[in-house]
C-alpha cells in the first residue's frame, strides 16, 4: 500500500548561494556540471547536483554528498576572472521532502500557491511562505516536493507539516 504522504528530513548536502551575471553564470554552470537555469522559477539537475533559479541573477546550488567549502572553491576557480558571489550556506538550510499522492494537498494547508501540477509543474521552484516561515519550494517529481528552509525554522515547519498531514498519518 502506498502512503498518502511521507515527510522526511533529508541528509546534509552542500549548498551555495550564487549571484552572477550571464557570463559568470555560464562559467559557474560549466564548473558545476549543471547549466544554471535562465527560465524563471525552474530547476536543473544532473545526477545529484541541482541548480534552482531564485531570481534573474540568483541561484541556489545543492549537491548531495558534496563538501560545501571545496565545491565553492572549485566554482570560484572556474570563474576565470568573471565577477560573481558564491557563498557556502550548507549549514544554514535543512531539506525536507514531502512525497506521496497527498503531498500537494498537505503543503496547501499552509502555503498560498496553487500546487496543482498545471500551475506548479515538475521542475518548478520558488521562494514562498509556509505558515509564517520563508521557504524555497521545489517540485522535482509529480508527487515529490522539496522544501529548503533555514535550520532554525525546520522544527516549526515539521510541526506544521505534521498538523497538515494528521488526517493521512493517523
Protein backbone atom coordinates (compact mmCIF):
# COMPACT_ATOMS: atom_id res chain seq x y z
CA UNK A 1 0.00 0.00 0.00
CA UNK A 2 1.30 3.47 -0.91
CA UNK A 3 1.40 6.01 1.89
CA UNK A 4 -0.76 9.06 1.12
CA UNK A 5 2.03 11.33 2.36
CA UNK A 6 5.54 10.90 3.72
CA UNK A 7 7.50 13.67 5.42
CA UNK A 8 11.25 13.21 5.80
CA UNK A 9 14.24 15.35 6.70
CA UNK A 10 16.88 14.76 4.03
CA UNK A 11 20.59 14.13 4.70
CA UNK A 12 23.01 17.08 4.76
CA UNK A 13 24.07 18.50 1.41
CA UNK A 14 26.38 21.19 0.11
CA UNK A 15 24.51 24.42 -0.65
CA UNK A 16 25.81 27.50 -2.38
CA UNK A 17 24.04 30.83 -2.78
CA UNK A 18 25.13 32.25 -6.13
CA UNK A 19 24.70 35.74 -7.54
CA UNK A 20 26.13 36.26 -11.01
CA UNK A 21 25.65 37.98 -14.35
CA UNK A 22 25.24 35.88 -17.50
CA UNK A 23 28.95 35.33 -18.28
CA UNK A 24 29.80 34.30 -14.74
CA UNK A 25 26.68 32.13 -14.50
CA UNK A 26 27.76 30.24 -17.63
CA UNK A 27 31.26 29.71 -16.17
CA UNK A 28 29.80 28.52 -12.86
CA UNK A 29 27.46 26.14 -14.65
CA UNK A 30 30.35 24.64 -16.63
CA UNK A 31 32.44 24.17 -13.47
CA UNK A 32 29.44 22.75 -11.56
CA UNK A 33 28.36 20.39 -14.31
CA UNK A 34 24.81 21.77 -14.40
CA UNK A 35 23.86 24.72 -16.58
CA UNK A 36 22.25 27.32 -14.34
CA UNK A 37 18.61 27.76 -15.38
CA UNK A 38 17.69 31.03 -17.06
CA UNK A 39 13.96 30.34 -17.17
CA UNK A 40 12.28 31.88 -14.10
CA UNK A 41 11.29 29.54 -11.27
CA UNK A 42 12.85 26.44 -12.81
CA UNK A 43 15.42 23.95 -11.59
CA UNK A 44 18.01 21.89 -13.43
CA UNK A 45 19.57 18.65 -12.27
CA UNK A 46 22.40 16.35 -13.26
CA UNK A 47 22.95 13.26 -11.12
CA UNK A 48 22.83 14.56 -7.51
CA UNK A 49 23.58 18.22 -8.34
CA UNK A 50 20.76 20.72 -8.55
CA UNK A 51 20.53 24.38 -9.58
CA UNK A 52 17.41 26.32 -8.58
CA UNK A 53 16.63 29.69 -10.20
CA UNK A 54 15.60 32.15 -7.48
CA UNK A 55 15.94 35.46 -9.32
CA UNK A 56 17.30 36.99 -12.53
CA UNK A 57 20.87 36.71 -11.22
CA UNK A 58 20.40 34.35 -8.25
CA UNK A 59 20.57 30.57 -7.84
CA UNK A 60 20.68 28.04 -5.04
CA UNK A 61 23.03 25.17 -5.87
CA UNK A 62 22.55 21.92 -3.95
CA UNK A 63 24.96 19.00 -4.22
CA UNK A 64 24.06 15.89 -2.27
CA UNK A 65 27.06 14.29 -0.61
CA UNK A 66 29.47 17.07 -1.59
CA UNK A 67 31.77 19.18 0.57
CA UNK A 68 30.46 22.77 0.54
CA UNK A 69 33.70 24.72 1.02
CA UNK A 70 35.56 22.56 -1.53
CA UNK A 71 32.74 22.96 -4.04
CA UNK A 72 32.69 26.74 -3.52
CA UNK A 73 36.45 26.89 -4.12
CA UNK A 74 36.10 24.75 -7.26
CA UNK A 75 33.39 27.00 -8.71
CA UNK A 76 35.28 30.17 -7.79
CA UNK A 77 38.35 28.82 -9.59
CA UNK A 78 36.18 28.15 -12.65
CA UNK A 79 35.09 31.79 -12.89
CA UNK A 80 38.20 32.85 -14.81
CA UNK A 81 38.02 36.40 -13.51
CA UNK A 82 34.29 36.91 -14.05
CA UNK A 83 32.73 38.76 -11.09
CA UNK A 84 30.28 36.72 -9.00
CA UNK A 85 29.27 35.93 -5.45
CA UNK A 86 29.46 32.29 -4.35
CA UNK A 87 28.59 31.87 -0.69
CA UNK A 88 28.71 28.50 1.03
CA UNK A 89 25.48 28.16 3.08
CA UNK A 90 25.37 24.41 3.69
CA UNK A 91 24.76 24.64 7.43
CA UNK A 92 22.11 27.35 7.10
CA UNK A 93 19.45 25.16 5.46
CA UNK A 94 17.67 21.90 6.10
CA UNK A 95 15.89 19.98 3.35
CA UNK A 96 12.51 18.39 3.98
CA UNK A 97 10.86 16.11 1.46
CA UNK A 98 7.08 15.80 1.29
CA UNK A 99 6.02 12.98 -1.01
CA UNK A 100 3.05 10.86 -1.93
CA UNK A 101 -0.32 11.36 -3.63
CA UNK A 102 -1.46 13.81 -0.93
CA UNK A 103 1.78 15.85 -0.83
CA UNK A 104 0.39 18.88 -2.67
CA UNK A 105 -2.74 18.88 -0.52
CA UNK A 106 -0.69 18.76 2.70
CA UNK A 107 1.53 21.61 1.54
CA UNK A 108 -1.50 23.65 0.50
CA UNK A 109 -2.73 23.70 4.11
CA UNK A 110 -0.13 26.35 4.99
CA UNK A 111 1.05 27.61 1.60
CA UNK A 112 -0.75 30.13 -0.66
CA UNK A 113 0.48 28.75 -4.00
CA UNK A 114 -1.67 26.72 -6.36
CA UNK A 115 0.21 23.40 -6.31
CA UNK A 116 -1.86 21.70 -8.97
CA UNK A 117 0.56 20.23 -11.48
CA UNK A 118 -0.78 22.52 -14.22
CA UNK A 119 0.08 25.62 -12.15
CA UNK A 120 3.20 24.29 -10.38
CA UNK A 121 4.67 21.69 -12.75
CA UNK A 122 7.53 19.28 -12.21
CA UNK A 123 10.79 21.25 -12.22
CA UNK A 124 9.29 24.43 -10.82
CA UNK A 125 10.83 26.12 -7.78
CA UNK A 126 10.21 29.38 -5.98
CA UNK A 127 10.56 31.27 -2.77
CA UNK A 128 7.31 31.28 -0.84
CA UNK A 129 5.99 31.02 2.68
CA UNK A 130 4.83 28.01 4.62
CA UNK A 131 2.75 29.18 7.57
CA UNK A 132 4.94 32.03 8.85
CA UNK A 133 8.33 30.91 7.56
CA UNK A 134 10.05 31.68 4.27
CA UNK A 135 10.99 28.58 2.29
CA UNK A 136 12.20 27.57 -1.13
CA UNK A 137 9.75 25.06 -2.59
CA UNK A 138 10.76 22.78 -5.46
CA UNK A 139 8.82 20.05 -7.23
CA UNK A 140 11.38 17.55 -8.59
CA UNK A 141 8.74 14.89 -9.34
CA UNK A 142 4.96 14.83 -9.69
CA UNK A 143 4.31 13.64 -6.12
CA UNK A 144 7.53 14.88 -4.53
CA UNK A 145 8.25 18.34 -3.13
CA UNK A 146 11.48 19.51 -1.55
CA UNK A 147 11.45 22.32 0.99
CA UNK A 148 14.66 24.22 1.68
CA UNK A 149 14.29 26.11 4.96
CA UNK A 150 16.61 27.83 7.37
CA UNK A 151 17.69 25.41 10.07
CA UNK A 152 16.17 27.49 12.88
CA UNK A 153 12.71 27.25 11.24
CA UNK A 154 12.88 23.49 10.48
CA UNK A 155 11.21 22.30 13.73
CA UNK A 156 8.36 24.78 13.15
CA UNK A 157 7.91 23.65 9.53
CA UNK A 158 7.99 19.97 10.53
CA UNK A 159 5.34 20.64 13.19
CA UNK A 160 3.09 22.44 10.72
CA UNK A 161 3.56 19.64 8.17
CA UNK A 162 2.65 17.05 10.80
CA UNK A 163 -0.51 19.03 11.61
CA UNK A 164 -1.44 19.32 7.94
CA UNK A 165 -0.79 15.60 7.36
CA UNK A 166 -2.51 14.39 10.54
CA UNK A 167 -5.58 13.02 8.72
CA UNK A 168 -3.29 10.95 6.46
CA UNK A 169 -0.92 9.72 9.16
CA UNK A 170 -3.43 8.61 11.84
